[in-house]
Amino acid sequence: MGWLFYTDGRVQTYADEKAEIAQLCTFESERRKTELVKACKVGSTWYAAAKVTNLDGTPVEDTTYVTDADGSITFGAVFLTRYDDGCWGYKDMEESAGPNESRAPLGLIELLSDLKDPDSYAQDPGLGCDPGLRGTRQDQARHARNAHRW
């Protein structure tokens, strides 16, 4: 997907950006809701942890993430951002889209649900593990499950 730019000038400050990221990570349907748990900006990139829950209280079933004890899953989202002619724009992706940006704070990574198959991230560079970052991530990760995230 490409970039989306806002031409109305509503996003101009750090606070505006954070509010927009929160809005982008918040959604409710008839079955589920997604809400922002935490967002951090590193350089021009926003990293977000978004929690998904079923409205009826049943556990969320997902092929990528292990369901947490409370029945939810929390996934990582990345928002590349920039200003072009005074207009703020973003490009969003879920953590498995690759590590196009890979400086997520460990405090945010710790909030994410476990991966069902973390080895798939290690074996397939298109699924979130850049071999050039692997050693750095393993050194920084507090848990083995985080070694190949971002």
Protein backbone atom coordinates (compact mmCIF):
# COMPACT_ATOMS: atom_id res chain seq x y z
CA MET A 1 0.00 0.00 0.00
CA GLY A 2 1.03 3.57 -0.52
CA TRP A 3 1.04 6.66 1.62
CA LEU A 4 -2.02 8.56 2.84
CA PHE A 5 -1.62 12.33 3.25
CA TYR A 6 -3.97 14.66 5.09
CA THR A 7 -4.37 17.90 3.18
CA ASP A 8 -6.62 19.61 5.74
CA GLY A 9 -3.77 20.57 8.08
CA ARG A 10 -5.30 18.89 11.15
CA VAL A 11 -2.05 17.08 12.00
CA GLN A 12 0.72 19.54 12.79
CA THR A 13 2.20 18.65 16.18
CA TYR A 14 3.45 15.62 18.08
CA ALA A 15 0.19 15.59 20.06
CA ASP A 16 -1.84 15.69 16.83
CA GLU A 17 0.19 12.77 15.44
CA LYS A 18 -0.28 10.70 18.60
CA ALA A 19 -4.02 11.38 18.61
CA GLU A 20 -4.25 10.30 14.97
CA ILE A 21 -2.30 7.10 15.66
CA ALA A 22 -4.69 6.37 18.56
CA GLN A 23 -7.67 6.91 16.27
CA LEU A 24 -6.18 4.65 13.58
CA CYS A 25 -5.67 1.89 16.17
CA THR A 26 -9.20 2.14 17.59
CA PHE A 27 -12.05 0.28 15.94
CA GLU A 28 -15.24 -1.50 16.92
CA SER A 29 -17.43 -3.85 14.90
CA GLU A 30 -20.37 -6.02 15.88
CA ARG A 31 -17.96 -8.77 17.07
CA ARG A 32 -14.68 -7.18 18.08
CA LYS A 33 -12.96 -4.08 19.22
CA THR A 34 -9.40 -2.91 18.82
CA GLU A 35 -7.86 -0.26 21.04
CA LEU A 36 -4.46 1.37 21.37
CA VAL A 37 -2.46 0.12 24.33
CA LYS A 38 0.72 2.13 23.75
CA ALA A 39 2.31 4.23 21.02
CA CYS A 40 5.92 5.38 20.82
CA LYS A 41 7.60 7.59 18.24
CA VAL A 42 11.22 6.92 17.27
CA GLY A 43 12.48 9.33 14.65
CA SER A 44 9.60 9.76 12.24
CA THR A 45 8.19 6.26 12.85
CA TRP A 46 5.38 5.43 15.27
CA TYR A 47 5.26 1.98 16.84
CA ALA A 48 1.95 0.89 18.37
CA ALA A 49 0.58 -2.01 20.40
CA ALA A 50 -3.10 -2.61 19.63
CA LYS A 51 -5.28 -4.95 21.70
CA VAL A 52 -8.07 -6.97 20.06
CA THR A 53 -10.94 -8.38 22.14
CA ASN A 54 -14.22 -10.07 21.32
CA LEU A 55 -17.24 -8.13 22.59
CA ASP A 56 -18.96 -11.29 23.80
CA GLY A 57 -15.99 -12.14 26.05
CA THR A 58 -14.91 -15.25 24.15
CA PRO A 59 -11.20 -15.67 23.43
CA VAL A 60 -9.87 -14.17 20.20
CA GLU A 61 -8.61 -16.90 17.88
CA ASP A 62 -5.81 -15.93 15.54
CA THR A 63 -3.39 -17.82 13.31
CA THR A 64 -0.41 -15.59 14.12
CA TYR A 65 -0.71 -14.80 17.83
CA VAL A 66 -1.22 -16.85 20.99
CA THR A 67 -4.35 -15.72 22.81
CA ASP A 68 -3.47 -13.99 26.11
CA ALA A 69 -4.91 -15.15 29.48
CA ASP A 70 -7.65 -12.48 29.29
CA GLY A 71 -8.79 -13.79 25.88
CA SER A 72 -7.29 -10.94 23.86
CA ILE A 73 -4.38 -10.62 21.45
CA THR A 74 -2.09 -7.61 21.17
CA PHE A 75 -0.31 -7.02 17.89
CA GLY A 76 2.33 -4.56 16.74
CA ALA A 77 1.68 -1.87 14.15
CA VAL A 78 4.20 0.41 12.46
CA PHE A 79 3.35 3.83 11.03
CA LEU A 80 5.99 5.44 8.82
CA THR A 81 5.25 9.19 8.81
CA ARG A 82 6.45 12.30 7.04
CA TYR A 83 5.47 15.83 6.12
CA ASP A 84 5.27 16.85 2.47
CA ASP A 85 4.48 20.48 1.62
CA GLY A 86 3.10 20.92 5.15
CA CYS A 87 0.80 17.91 4.87
CA TRP A 88 1.23 14.99 7.29
CA GLY A 89 1.14 11.50 5.84
CA TYR A 90 1.53 7.94 6.99
CA LYS A 91 2.05 4.42 5.72
CA ASP A 92 0.88 1.71 8.10
CA MET A 93 1.77 -1.96 8.38
CA GLU A 94 1.39 -4.83 10.81
CA GLU A 95 4.56 -6.19 12.38
CA SER A 96 4.73 -9.23 10.07
CA ALA A 97 5.04 -6.98 7.00
CA GLY A 98 8.79 -6.93 7.53
CA PRO A 99 11.12 -4.79 9.57
CA ASN A 100 11.15 -1.78 7.30
CA GLU A 101 11.63 0.12 10.53
CA SER A 102 13.07 -1.84 13.42
CA ARG A 103 13.63 0.40 16.42
CA ALA A 104 10.54 -0.37 18.48
CA PRO A 105 11.16 0.23 22.20
CA LEU A 106 11.41 -2.96 24.26
CA GLY A 107 8.69 -1.66 26.60
CA LEU A 108 6.27 -1.75 23.69
CA ILE A 109 7.46 -5.14 22.42
CA GLU A 110 6.89 -6.59 25.90
CA LEU A 111 3.17 -5.76 25.56
CA LEU A 112 2.69 -7.86 22.41
CA SER A 113 1.13 -11.31 22.42
CA ASP A 114 3.39 -14.28 21.88
CA LEU A 115 3.78 -15.51 18.34
CA LYS A 116 2.39 -18.98 17.59
CA ASP A 117 5.39 -19.77 15.39
CA PRO A 118 8.25 -17.39 16.16
CA ASP A 119 10.61 -19.49 14.04
CA SER A 120 8.68 -18.48 10.91
CA TYR A 121 9.88 -14.93 11.52
CA ALA A 122 13.47 -16.12 11.75
CA GLN A 123 13.32 -18.20 8.58
CA ASP A 124 11.46 -15.85 6.25
CA PRO A 125 12.92 -12.33 5.89
CA GLY A 126 9.53 -11.16 4.59
CA LEU A 127 7.91 -11.99 7.91
CA GLY A 128 9.56 -9.58 10.26
CA CYS A 129 13.21 -10.56 10.57
CA ASP A 130 15.96 -8.69 8.79
CA PRO A 131 19.15 -10.76 9.07
CA GLY A 132 21.09 -7.54 9.57
CA LEU A 133 19.07 -6.78 12.69
CA ARG A 134 18.80 -10.27 14.12
CA GLY A 135 21.88 -10.07 16.35
CA THR A 136 20.88 -6.66 17.69
CA ARG A 137 17.34 -7.81 18.45
CA GLN A 138 18.55 -10.97 20.18
CA ASP A 139 20.94 -8.96 22.32
CA GLN A 140 18.25 -6.45 23.26
CA ALA A 141 15.29 -8.81 23.69
CA ARG A 142 14.45 -9.78 27.25
CA HIS A 143 12.56 -12.88 26.12
CA ALA A 144 13.43 -15.30 23.35
CA ARG A 145 10.03 -14.68 21.76
CA ASN A 146 11.01 -11.06 21.09
CA ALA A 147 14.32 -11.84 19.43
CA HIS A 148 12.90 -11.73 15.92
CA ARG A 149 10.34 -8.98 16.28
CA TRP A 150 11.27 -5.84 14.46
